[in-house]
Amino acid sequence: MERTEKQYNELVRRCKEIFHRKMKDYGTSWRIMRPRSVTDQIFINAQRIQSIELKGNQKVDDDITSEFIGIVNYGVIALIQLELGPGEPAELSEMEVLDLYQQKIDEAKKLMMRKNHDYGEAWREMRISSYTDLILMKIFRTKQIEDNDGKTIVSEGIAANYLDMINYAIFGLVKLIFETSEE
């Protein structure tokens, strides 16, 4: 578990750094997005990963790693948008956004640590393509809940699905960055 926490923290640091640099370029333009639009953006990232996995090649330079990072960062954006709602205030201070980012990623990490304890790090035995499929499944679940105006009967809500997407994307990054370099 210590190795997992260390790897998780390192990957979150990388994701947050990219998020922060993009925020310097674009500001908080993402604040205009409704959660449904963020879900669709995550879908685009996950669909591209699956397409590359199935085809075995790609024609755009961005690699799978950058797509998983995109899923993490859009997952955080989605959680922030669920809390604040889109729009007003459209511009948030850098410090406020980074604090919100950290709150949401901490929530995802706490969930991962609890599940990791119960499941005994079973995710380490999974294939990267399974994380992609699980993210896509969570996206379709989220879209269905969104289409039902956020109402569920027995299922987790939208935020829980975003948290799982973040964690599956980080698992994919662990496999891509740490485990392939350790072999």
Protein backbone atom coordinates (compact mmCIF):
# COMPACT_ATOMS: atom_id res chain seq x y z
CA MET A 1 0.00 0.00 0.00
CA GLU A 2 2.91 2.35 0.65
CA ARG A 3 4.16 1.90 -2.92
CA THR A 4 0.65 2.58 -4.24
CA GLU A 5 0.31 5.76 -2.22
CA LYS A 6 3.73 6.99 -3.35
CA GLN A 7 2.96 6.27 -7.02
CA TYR A 8 -0.52 7.78 -6.71
CA ASN A 9 0.89 10.96 -5.16
CA GLU A 10 3.54 11.28 -7.89
CA LEU A 11 0.99 10.91 -10.66
CA VAL A 12 -1.39 13.38 -9.02
CA ARG A 13 1.51 15.82 -8.81
CA ARG A 14 2.10 15.42 -12.56
CA CYS A 15 -1.60 15.77 -13.39
CA LYS A 16 -1.98 18.84 -11.18
CA GLU A 17 1.11 20.43 -12.71
CA ILE A 18 -0.35 20.04 -16.21
CA PHE A 19 -3.72 21.33 -14.97
CA HIS A 20 -1.99 24.35 -13.44
CA ARG A 21 0.02 25.11 -16.60
CA LYS A 22 -3.11 24.88 -18.75
CA MET A 23 -4.91 27.16 -16.31
CA LYS A 24 -2.17 29.74 -16.86
CA ASP A 25 -2.83 29.49 -20.62
CA TYR A 26 -6.64 29.29 -20.58
CA GLY A 27 -7.73 30.61 -17.19
CA THR A 28 -10.86 28.97 -15.88
CA SER A 29 -12.62 28.87 -19.24
CA TRP A 30 -13.85 25.37 -18.31
CA ARG A 31 -16.20 27.01 -15.79
CA ILE A 32 -18.67 27.57 -18.66
CA MET A 33 -19.04 23.80 -19.13
CA ARG A 34 -22.04 21.98 -17.74
CA PRO A 35 -21.28 18.61 -16.11
CA ARG A 36 -22.81 16.83 -19.13
CA SER A 37 -20.25 18.51 -21.40
CA VAL A 38 -17.43 17.48 -19.10
CA THR A 39 -18.73 13.89 -19.21
CA ASP A 40 -18.62 14.06 -23.00
CA GLN A 41 -15.04 15.38 -22.90
CA ILE A 42 -13.99 12.46 -20.70
CA PHE A 43 -15.76 10.17 -23.18
CA ILE A 44 -13.63 11.61 -26.01
CA ASN A 45 -10.44 10.90 -24.04
CA ALA A 46 -11.46 7.35 -23.12
CA GLN A 47 -12.79 6.58 -26.60
CA ARG A 48 -9.45 7.66 -28.11
CA ILE A 49 -7.55 5.38 -25.72
CA GLN A 50 -9.79 2.45 -26.65
CA SER A 51 -9.43 3.22 -30.35
CA ILE A 52 -5.62 3.25 -30.10
CA GLU A 53 -5.67 0.03 -28.07
CA LEU A 54 -7.87 -1.70 -30.66
CA LYS A 55 -6.07 -0.37 -33.74
CA GLY A 56 -2.58 -0.73 -32.31
CA ASN A 57 -1.48 2.62 -33.71
CA GLN A 58 -2.34 6.30 -33.76
CA LYS A 59 -2.11 9.23 -36.14
CA VAL A 60 -2.11 12.08 -33.59
CA ASP A 61 1.01 12.62 -31.48
CA ASP A 62 -0.68 12.78 -28.06
CA ASP A 63 -0.08 9.44 -26.38
CA ILE A 64 -2.32 7.34 -24.15
CA THR A 65 -0.60 8.75 -21.08
CA SER A 66 -1.78 12.27 -21.93
CA GLU A 67 -5.33 10.96 -22.45
CA PHE A 68 -5.37 9.35 -18.99
CA ILE A 69 -4.05 12.62 -17.54
CA GLY A 70 -6.89 14.38 -19.35
CA ILE A 71 -9.40 12.00 -17.75
CA VAL A 72 -7.98 12.73 -14.29
CA ASN A 73 -8.09 16.47 -14.83
CA TYR A 74 -11.52 16.54 -16.45
CA GLY A 75 -12.77 14.28 -13.66
CA VAL A 76 -11.61 16.88 -11.14
CA ILE A 77 -13.22 19.64 -13.22
CA ALA A 78 -16.48 17.65 -13.25
CA LEU A 79 -16.44 17.31 -9.47
CA ILE A 80 -15.77 21.03 -9.08
CA GLN A 81 -18.58 21.86 -11.50
CA LEU A 82 -20.97 19.59 -9.58
CA GLU A 83 -20.13 21.48 -6.40
CA LEU A 84 -20.10 25.04 -7.77
CA GLY A 85 -22.31 24.74 -10.81
CA PRO A 86 -21.22 26.10 -14.18
CA GLY A 87 -20.82 29.80 -14.79
CA GLU A 88 -20.85 32.26 -11.97
CA PRO A 89 -18.32 33.11 -10.93
CA ALA A 90 -16.69 32.19 -14.22
CA GLU A 91 -13.28 33.35 -13.09
CA LEU A 92 -11.85 31.90 -9.93
CA SER A 93 -8.51 32.76 -8.41
CA GLU A 94 -5.60 30.46 -9.07
CA MET A 95 -5.34 29.62 -5.38
CA GLU A 96 -9.05 28.88 -5.11
CA VAL A 97 -8.98 26.55 -8.13
CA LEU A 98 -5.87 24.72 -6.93
CA ASP A 99 -7.44 24.30 -3.47
CA LEU A 100 -10.59 22.87 -5.06
CA TYR A 101 -8.46 20.59 -7.25
CA GLN A 102 -6.64 19.27 -4.18
CA GLN A 103 -9.90 18.72 -2.27
CA LYS A 104 -11.36 16.66 -5.10
CA ILE A 105 -8.21 14.64 -5.73
CA ASP A 106 -7.90 13.97 -1.98
CA GLU A 107 -11.46 12.65 -2.04
CA ALA A 108 -10.56 10.34 -4.93
CA LYS A 109 -7.43 9.14 -3.15
CA LYS A 110 -9.30 8.39 0.08
CA LEU A 111 -11.81 6.33 -1.89
CA MET A 112 -9.00 4.50 -3.69
CA MET A 113 -7.23 3.70 -0.42
CA ARG A 114 -10.41 2.28 1.13
CA LYS A 115 -11.17 0.16 -1.92
CA ASN A 116 -7.52 -0.84 -2.26
CA HIS A 117 -7.59 -2.13 1.30
CA ASP A 118 -10.70 -4.21 0.67
CA TYR A 119 -9.72 -5.52 -2.77
CA GLY A 120 -6.05 -6.15 -1.96
CA GLU A 121 -4.64 -4.17 -4.91
CA ALA A 122 -6.37 -6.42 -7.43
CA TRP A 123 -6.09 -3.55 -9.94
CA ARG A 124 -2.37 -4.26 -10.28
CA GLU A 125 -3.23 -7.59 -11.96
CA MET A 126 -5.56 -5.97 -14.46
CA ARG A 127 -4.77 -4.94 -18.02
CA ILE A 128 -4.70 -1.26 -19.01
CA SER A 129 -7.46 -1.97 -21.54
CA SER A 130 -9.71 -3.03 -18.65
CA TYR A 131 -9.29 0.39 -17.02
CA THR A 132 -10.28 1.96 -20.34
CA ASP A 133 -13.38 -0.22 -20.56
CA LEU A 134 -14.31 0.50 -16.94
CA ILE A 135 -13.95 4.25 -17.52
CA LEU A 136 -16.18 3.99 -20.59
CA MET A 137 -18.74 1.99 -18.60
CA LYS A 138 -18.70 4.66 -15.86
CA ILE A 139 -19.19 7.34 -18.53
CA PHE A 140 -22.25 5.55 -19.92
CA ARG A 141 -23.61 5.12 -16.38
CA THR A 142 -23.03 8.82 -15.73
CA LYS A 143 -24.77 9.78 -18.98
CA GLN A 144 -27.77 7.65 -18.01
CA ILE A 145 -27.96 9.29 -14.58
CA GLU A 146 -27.64 12.72 -16.23
CA ASP A 147 -30.47 11.79 -18.61
CA ASN A 148 -32.51 10.86 -15.51
CA ASP A 149 -31.91 14.36 -14.08
CA GLY A 150 -29.43 12.98 -11.54
CA LYS A 151 -31.95 10.63 -9.95
CA THR A 152 -31.01 7.06 -9.09
CA ILE A 153 -32.95 4.28 -7.42
CA VAL A 154 -30.19 2.16 -5.90
CA SER A 155 -27.03 3.27 -7.70
CA GLU A 156 -24.21 5.59 -6.77
CA GLY A 157 -24.56 9.14 -7.94
CA ILE A 158 -22.69 11.07 -10.57
CA ALA A 159 -19.86 12.18 -8.28
CA ALA A 160 -19.05 8.58 -7.31
CA ASN A 161 -18.67 7.69 -10.99
CA TYR A 162 -16.31 10.62 -11.59
CA LEU A 163 -14.21 9.54 -8.60
CA ASP A 164 -13.95 6.03 -10.02
CA MET A 165 -12.98 7.41 -13.45
CA ILE A 166 -10.18 9.42 -11.84
CA ASN A 167 -8.89 6.37 -9.99
CA TYR A 168 -9.06 4.05 -13.00
CA ALA A 169 -7.15 6.64 -15.03
CA ILE A 170 -4.49 6.85 -12.32
CA PHE A 171 -4.24 3.05 -12.28
CA GLY A 172 -3.66 3.18 -16.03
CA LEU A 173 -0.94 5.76 -15.51
CA VAL A 174 0.71 3.62 -12.83
CA LYS A 175 0.84 0.70 -15.26
CA LEU A 176 2.10 2.86 -18.14
CA ILE A 177 4.68 4.88 -16.24
CA PHE A 178 5.88 2.81 -13.31
CA GLU A 179 5.25 -0.82 -14.09
CA THR A 180 6.57 -0.80 -17.65
CA SER A 181 9.70 0.99 -16.48
CA GLU A 182 10.17 -1.48 -13.59
CA GLU A 183 10.11 -4.58 -15.83
